[in-house]
N, C-alpha and C. Protein backbone atom coordinates (compact mmCIF):
# COMPACT_ATOMS: atom_id res chain seq x y z
N MET A 1 -20.40 87.10 14.73
CA MET A 1 -19.20 87.49 14.90
C MET A 1 -18.96 87.31 13.43
N SER A 2 -18.08 88.29 12.68
CA SER A 2 -17.41 88.27 11.79
C SER A 2 -16.35 87.49 11.80
N LEU A 3 -15.94 87.05 10.36
CA LEU A 3 -15.06 86.08 9.79
C LEU A 3 -13.61 86.85 10.54
N HIS A 4 -13.96 88.35 10.34
CA HIS A 4 -12.42 88.70 10.88
C HIS A 4 -12.36 88.54 12.94
N GLU A 5 -13.54 88.62 12.84
CA GLU A 5 -13.32 88.23 14.81
C GLU A 5 -13.42 86.53 15.32
N PHE A 6 -13.99 86.69 14.38
CA PHE A 6 -13.39 84.78 14.70
C PHE A 6 -11.74 83.97 13.93
N ALA A 7 -11.36 84.01 13.30
CA ALA A 7 -10.07 84.74 13.04
C ALA A 7 -9.16 84.64 14.13
N LYS A 8 -9.75 86.13 14.21
CA LYS A 8 -8.46 86.81 15.07
C LYS A 8 -8.42 85.82 16.85
N ASP A 9 -10.36 85.51 16.92
CA ASP A 9 -10.56 84.62 18.76
C ASP A 9 -9.34 83.17 18.36
N LEU A 10 -9.53 82.89 17.58
CA LEU A 10 -8.99 81.26 17.17
C LEU A 10 -7.52 82.22 17.23
N ALA A 11 -6.73 82.64 16.49
CA ALA A 11 -5.67 82.63 16.48
C ALA A 11 -5.01 83.03 17.95
N HIS A 12 -5.54 83.87 18.58
CA HIS A 12 -5.74 83.93 20.57
C HIS A 12 -5.18 83.25 20.60
N LEU A 13 -7.06 82.19 20.65
CA LEU A 13 -7.40 80.64 21.40
C LEU A 13 -5.63 79.69 21.53
N GLU A 14 -5.80 80.05 19.77
CA GLU A 14 -4.21 78.74 19.75
C GLU A 14 -2.85 78.84 20.00
N TYR A 15 -2.91 80.40 20.74
CA TYR A 15 -2.03 80.92 20.60
C TYR A 15 -1.56 80.63 22.58
N VAL A 16 -3.02 80.98 23.61
CA VAL A 16 -2.76 80.90 24.49
C VAL A 16 -3.18 79.46 25.23
N VAL A 17 -4.43 78.68 24.49
CA VAL A 17 -4.32 77.22 25.22
C VAL A 17 -3.42 76.24 25.82
N PRO A 18 -2.06 76.37 24.77
CA PRO A 18 -0.76 75.71 24.34
C PRO A 18 0.00 75.89 25.59
N LEU A 19 0.70 77.24 26.49
CA LEU A 19 0.87 77.33 27.16
C LEU A 19 -0.28 77.05 29.18
N LEU A 20 -1.24 76.66 28.72
CA LEU A 20 -1.99 76.85 29.69
C LEU A 20 -1.69 75.43 30.49
N GLU A 21 -0.71 74.62 30.19
CA GLU A 21 -0.01 73.70 30.38
C GLU A 21 0.87 73.44 31.31
N ARG A 22 1.42 75.27 30.90
CA ARG A 22 2.15 75.44 32.29
C ARG A 22 1.81 76.27 33.36
N GLY A 23 0.78 75.70 33.76
CA GLY A 23 0.34 77.07 34.64
C GLY A 23 -0.94 77.96 33.92
N ASN A 24 -2.18 78.34 34.81
CA ASN A 24 -3.46 79.41 33.99
C ASN A 24 -3.29 80.09 34.66
N PRO A 25 -3.30 81.31 33.68
CA PRO A 25 -4.10 82.53 35.23
C PRO A 25 -5.57 82.47 35.13
N LEU A 26 -6.67 82.55 34.12
CA LEU A 26 -7.29 81.75 34.74
C LEU A 26 -8.47 79.69 34.69
N SER A 27 -8.97 79.64 34.71
CA SER A 27 -9.31 78.76 34.98
C SER A 27 -9.65 77.98 34.10
N LEU A 28 -9.51 76.23 34.33
CA LEU A 28 -9.28 75.75 32.55
C LEU A 28 -10.94 75.98 32.34
N PRO A 29 -11.81 75.72 32.85
CA PRO A 29 -12.91 76.06 32.05
C PRO A 29 -13.52 77.34 32.07
N TYR A 30 -12.40 77.96 32.25
CA TYR A 30 -13.60 79.58 31.79
C TYR A 30 -12.49 79.35 29.77
N TRP A 31 -11.25 79.32 29.98
CA TRP A 31 -10.81 78.70 28.62
C TRP A 31 -11.78 78.34 28.11
N ARG A 32 -12.33 77.07 28.74
CA ARG A 32 -13.01 75.82 27.46
C ARG A 32 -14.24 76.43 27.05
N ASN A 33 -14.42 77.32 27.20
CA ASN A 33 -16.11 77.99 27.12
C ASN A 33 -15.45 79.26 26.00
N ARG A 34 -14.08 80.26 26.58
CA ARG A 34 -13.65 80.17 25.31
C ARG A 34 -13.58 79.83 24.13
N VAL A 35 -13.33 78.71 24.03
CA VAL A 35 -13.23 78.06 22.29
C VAL A 35 -14.57 77.61 21.76
N THR A 36 -15.91 76.83 22.82
CA THR A 36 -16.35 75.95 22.80
C THR A 36 -17.56 77.45 21.99
N ALA A 37 -17.69 78.38 22.82
CA ALA A 37 -18.32 79.59 22.52
C ALA A 37 -18.25 79.59 20.60
N LEU A 38 -16.99 79.27 20.12
CA LEU A 38 -16.50 79.63 18.43
C LEU A 38 -17.03 78.51 17.55
N GLN A 39 -18.00 77.32 18.51
CA GLN A 39 -17.61 76.04 17.64
C GLN A 39 -19.06 76.70 16.88
N ALA A 40 -19.88 77.33 17.14
CA ALA A 40 -21.15 78.06 16.15
C ALA A 40 -20.47 78.26 14.94
N GLN A 41 -19.88 79.20 14.81
CA GLN A 41 -19.19 79.70 14.49
C GLN A 41 -17.80 79.32 13.62
N GLN A 42 -17.44 77.99 13.31
CA GLN A 42 -16.26 77.48 13.36
C GLN A 42 -16.11 77.20 11.78
N SER A 43 -17.30 77.20 10.82
CA SER A 43 -17.15 76.71 9.96
C SER A 43 -17.32 78.15 8.76
N LEU A 44 -16.78 79.75 9.37
CA LEU A 44 -16.48 80.56 8.99
C LEU A 44 -15.28 80.37 7.75
N LEU A 45 -14.08 79.85 8.60
CA LEU A 45 -12.93 79.23 8.13
C LEU A 45 -12.54 78.33 7.25
N PRO A 46 -12.25 77.45 6.26
CA PRO A 46 -12.39 76.40 5.70
C PRO A 46 -11.67 75.17 6.56
N ASP A 47 -11.09 75.95 7.39
CA ASP A 47 -9.99 74.28 9.10
C ASP A 47 -10.57 74.84 10.09
N GLY A 48 -11.32 75.85 10.25
CA GLY A 48 -12.27 76.54 11.75
C GLY A 48 -12.82 75.17 12.19
N THR A 49 -12.88 74.67 11.66
CA THR A 49 -13.74 73.01 12.52
C THR A 49 -12.33 72.13 13.06
N LYS A 50 -11.60 71.79 12.23
CA LYS A 50 -10.56 71.08 12.56
C LYS A 50 -9.47 71.82 13.59
N ARG A 51 -9.72 73.21 13.96
CA ARG A 51 -8.12 73.95 15.16
C ARG A 51 -9.19 73.98 15.92
N VAL A 52 -10.93 74.52 15.46
CA VAL A 52 -11.73 74.48 17.35
C VAL A 52 -11.06 72.91 18.11
N ALA A 53 -11.37 71.45 17.08
CA ALA A 53 -11.42 70.57 17.21
C ALA A 53 -10.83 70.23 18.19
N ARG A 54 -9.48 70.55 17.59
CA ARG A 54 -7.78 70.59 17.94
C ARG A 54 -7.57 70.83 19.52
N LEU A 55 -8.48 72.43 19.27
CA LEU A 55 -7.98 72.98 20.57
C LEU A 55 -8.43 72.45 21.86
N LEU A 56 -9.96 72.02 21.63
CA LEU A 56 -11.27 70.91 22.13
C LEU A 56 -10.47 69.72 23.05
N LYS A 57 -9.36 69.42 21.98
CA LYS A 57 -8.25 67.89 22.32
C LYS A 57 -7.50 67.74 23.53
N LEU A 58 -6.66 68.95 23.30
CA LEU A 58 -6.39 69.61 23.77
C LEU A 58 -6.73 69.68 25.73
N PHE A 59 -7.84 70.11 25.62
CA PHE A 59 -8.18 70.59 27.05
C PHE A 59 -8.82 69.23 27.57
N ASN A 60 -8.98 68.30 26.56
CA ASN A 60 -9.62 66.99 27.69
C ASN A 60 -7.75 66.48 27.17
N GLU A 61 -6.98 65.89 26.43
CA GLU A 61 -5.56 66.36 26.98
C GLU A 61 -5.02 66.87 29.04
N PHE A 62 -5.42 67.73 29.14
CA PHE A 62 -5.59 68.59 30.01
C PHE A 62 -5.77 67.57 31.30
N GLU A 63 -7.51 67.86 31.27
CA GLU A 63 -8.71 67.58 31.88
C GLU A 63 -8.04 65.79 32.79
N ARG A 64 -7.21 65.33 31.44
CA ARG A 64 -7.42 63.97 31.95
C ARG A 64 -5.85 63.56 32.60
N GLU A 65 -4.74 64.68 32.59
CA GLU A 65 -3.64 65.04 33.13
C GLU A 65 -4.12 64.79 34.99
N SER A 66 -4.61 66.40 34.91
CA SER A 66 -4.92 67.01 36.12
C SER A 66 -5.30 66.09 37.35
N VAL A 67 -6.47 65.33 36.49
CA VAL A 67 -7.02 64.11 37.18
C VAL A 67 -6.13 62.61 37.20
N SER A 68 -4.81 62.37 36.50
CA SER A 68 -4.33 61.55 37.13
C SER A 68 -3.08 61.54 38.39
N SER A 69 -2.58 63.19 38.06
CA SER A 69 -2.05 63.84 39.10
C SER A 69 -3.00 63.87 40.17
N ARG A 70 -4.26 63.85 40.71
CA ARG A 70 -4.34 63.63 42.04
C ARG A 70 -4.33 62.96 42.64
């Protein structure tokens, strides 16, 4: 994955992931897998590690809320 592809995918996920709280058109595991796939390239951007970690933290929060609302 090139730097450009990584940056574009990360920006897209940063836009989409917060919207999942309102309802997800695809399953949370799909989106988590998309973010997790970026971990191997997160060092391509100076702040890539921080941004990927923030998205994974959002998934953890969504899953906790989902479990507690059951």
